[in-house]
Amino acid sequence: MTTFTIKINERTKAGKAFRMLTETFFKDAKGIEITEKTDEKEDEVYNPEFVKMIKEADKRGNFTTVNPDDIWGSLGLK
């Protein structure tokens, strides 16, 4: 028995097409087993503590808007 591991980014057009293709052709095929395992790290883009901290700061309204073209000037550090 041989095992292939293929990582598919389902957010891309090619990833979606590849997944649909494999499921369509091999779903009920004898001798081929499709298993699914997602990376937990991909699902958790941000640290939950960081998200909580940002949401609390947003509620308090204590944040600084930064101009990406002049970061240091926006922070008053020029």
C-alpha atoms as a PDB file:
ATOM      1  CA  MET A   1       0.000   0.000   0.000  1.00  0.00           C
ATOM      2  CA  THR A   2       1.289   3.465  -0.916  1.00  0.00           C
ATOM      3  CA  THR A   3       0.211   6.690   0.767  1.00  0.00           C
ATOM      4  CA  PHE A   4       0.250  10.087  -0.921  1.00  0.00           C
ATOM      5  CA  THR A   5      -0.114  13.260   1.096  1.00  0.00           C
ATOM      6  CA  ILE A   6      -1.319  16.249  -0.876  1.00  0.00           C
ATOM      7  CA  LYS A   7      -1.890  19.657   0.701  1.00  0.00           C
ATOM      8  CA  ILE A   8      -4.667  21.561  -1.023  1.00  0.00           C
ATOM      9  CA  ASN A   9      -5.394  25.226  -0.454  1.00  0.00           C
ATOM     10  CA  GLU A  10      -9.160  25.233  -0.896  1.00  0.00           C
ATOM     11  CA  ARG A  11      -9.193  29.020  -1.009  1.00  0.00           C
ATOM     12  CA  THR A  12      -7.690  28.946  -4.491  1.00  0.00           C
ATOM     13  CA  LYS A  13      -9.442  28.150  -7.727  1.00  0.00           C
ATOM     14  CA  ALA A  14      -6.997  25.324  -8.499  1.00  0.00           C
ATOM     15  CA  GLY A  15      -7.382  23.864  -5.002  1.00  0.00           C
ATOM     16  CA  LYS A  16     -11.169  23.798  -5.263  1.00  0.00           C
ATOM     17  CA  ALA A  17     -11.025  22.242  -8.724  1.00  0.00           C
ATOM     18  CA  PHE A  18      -8.519  19.575  -7.654  1.00  0.00           C
ATOM     19  CA  ARG A  19     -10.603  18.581  -4.653  1.00  0.00           C
ATOM     20  CA  MET A  20     -13.784  18.335  -6.718  1.00  0.00           C
ATOM     21  CA  LEU A  21     -11.951  16.303  -9.366  1.00  0.00           C
ATOM     22  CA  THR A  22     -10.539  13.780  -6.911  1.00  0.00           C
ATOM     23  CA  GLU A  23     -13.815  13.409  -5.032  1.00  0.00           C
ATOM     24  CA  THR A  24     -15.727  12.912  -8.272  1.00  0.00           C
ATOM     25  CA  PHE A  25     -13.428  10.286  -9.767  1.00  0.00           C
ATOM     26  CA  PHE A  26     -12.215   8.398  -6.713  1.00  0.00           C
ATOM     27  CA  LYS A  27     -14.947   8.649  -4.069  1.00  0.00           C
ATOM     28  CA  ASP A  28     -16.425   5.191  -4.669  1.00  0.00           C
ATOM     29  CA  ALA A  29     -13.391   3.568  -6.293  1.00  0.00           C
ATOM     30  CA  LYS A  30     -12.296   0.275  -4.779  1.00  0.00           C
ATOM     31  CA  GLY A  31      -8.723   0.278  -3.581  1.00  0.00           C
ATOM     32  CA  ILE A  32      -8.570   4.053  -3.087  1.00  0.00           C
ATOM     33  CA  GLU A  33      -9.321   5.672   0.234  1.00  0.00           C
ATOM     34  CA  ILE A  34      -9.581   9.445   0.612  1.00  0.00           C
ATOM     35  CA  THR A  35      -8.920  10.680   4.123  1.00  0.00           C
ATOM     36  CA  GLU A  36      -9.060  14.267   5.263  1.00  0.00           C
ATOM     37  CA  LYS A  37      -6.893  15.950   7.819  1.00  0.00           C
ATOM     38  CA  THR A  38      -6.796  19.716   8.224  1.00  0.00           C
ATOM     39  CA  ASP A  39      -3.921  21.601   9.766  1.00  0.00           C
ATOM     40  CA  GLU A  40      -5.088  23.172  13.003  1.00  0.00           C
ATOM     41  CA  LYS A  41      -2.567  25.973  12.576  1.00  0.00           C
ATOM     42  CA  GLU A  42      -4.235  27.082   9.343  1.00  0.00           C
ATOM     43  CA  ASP A  43      -7.571  27.371  11.113  1.00  0.00           C
ATOM     44  CA  GLU A  44      -6.118  29.440  13.945  1.00  0.00           C
ATOM     45  CA  VAL A  45      -4.656  32.438  12.180  1.00  0.00           C
ATOM     46  CA  TYR A  46      -4.396  34.551  15.330  1.00  0.00           C
ATOM     47  CA  ASN A  47      -3.600  33.745  18.931  1.00  0.00           C
ATOM     48  CA  PRO A  48      -6.905  33.822  20.899  1.00  0.00           C
ATOM     49  CA  GLU A  49      -5.312  35.982  23.617  1.00  0.00           C
ATOM     50  CA  PHE A  50      -4.245  38.524  21.003  1.00  0.00           C
ATOM     51  CA  VAL A  51      -7.764  38.625  19.539  1.00  0.00           C
ATOM     52  CA  LYS A  52      -9.223  39.168  23.023  1.00  0.00           C
ATOM     53  CA  MET A  53      -6.754  42.008  23.700  1.00  0.00           C
ATOM     54  CA  ILE A  54      -7.621  43.740  20.401  1.00  0.00           C
ATOM     55  CA  LYS A  55     -11.371  43.424  20.990  1.00  0.00           C
ATOM     56  CA  GLU A  56     -11.039  44.905  24.487  1.00  0.00           C
ATOM     57  CA  ALA A  57      -8.975  47.815  23.155  1.00  0.00           C
ATOM     58  CA  ASP A  58     -11.604  48.433  20.482  1.00  0.00           C
ATOM     59  CA  LYS A  59     -14.364  48.583  23.130  1.00  0.00           C
ATOM     60  CA  ARG A  60     -12.361  51.106  25.168  1.00  0.00           C
ATOM     61  CA  GLY A  61     -11.558  53.144  22.077  1.00  0.00           C
ATOM     62  CA  ASN A  62      -7.911  53.532  23.050  1.00  0.00           C
ATOM     63  CA  PHE A  63      -6.173  52.917  19.764  1.00  0.00           C
ATOM     64  CA  THR A  64      -4.152  54.977  17.333  1.00  0.00           C
ATOM     65  CA  THR A  65      -4.900  55.213  13.634  1.00  0.00           C
ATOM     66  CA  VAL A  66      -1.700  54.927  11.644  1.00  0.00           C
ATOM     67  CA  ASN A  67      -1.113  56.217   8.125  1.00  0.00           C
ATOM     68  CA  PRO A  68       0.809  53.431   6.330  1.00  0.00           C
ATOM     69  CA  ASP A  69       2.536  56.019   4.131  1.00  0.00           C
ATOM     70  CA  ASP A  70       3.893  57.897   7.166  1.00  0.00           C
ATOM     71  CA  ILE A  71       4.008  55.537  10.141  1.00  0.00           C
ATOM     72  CA  TRP A  72       6.485  57.514  12.250  1.00  0.00           C
ATOM     73  CA  GLY A  73       4.689  60.786  11.590  1.00  0.00           C
ATOM     74  CA  SER A  74       1.352  59.217  12.545  1.00  0.00           C
ATOM     75  CA  LEU A  75       2.826  58.185  15.871  1.00  0.00           C
ATOM     76  CA  GLY A  76       4.364  61.611  16.437  1.00  0.00           C
ATOM     77  CA  LEU A  77       7.904  60.228  16.365  1.00  0.00           C
ATOM     78  CA  LYS A  78       9.390  62.291  13.526  1.00  0.00           C
END
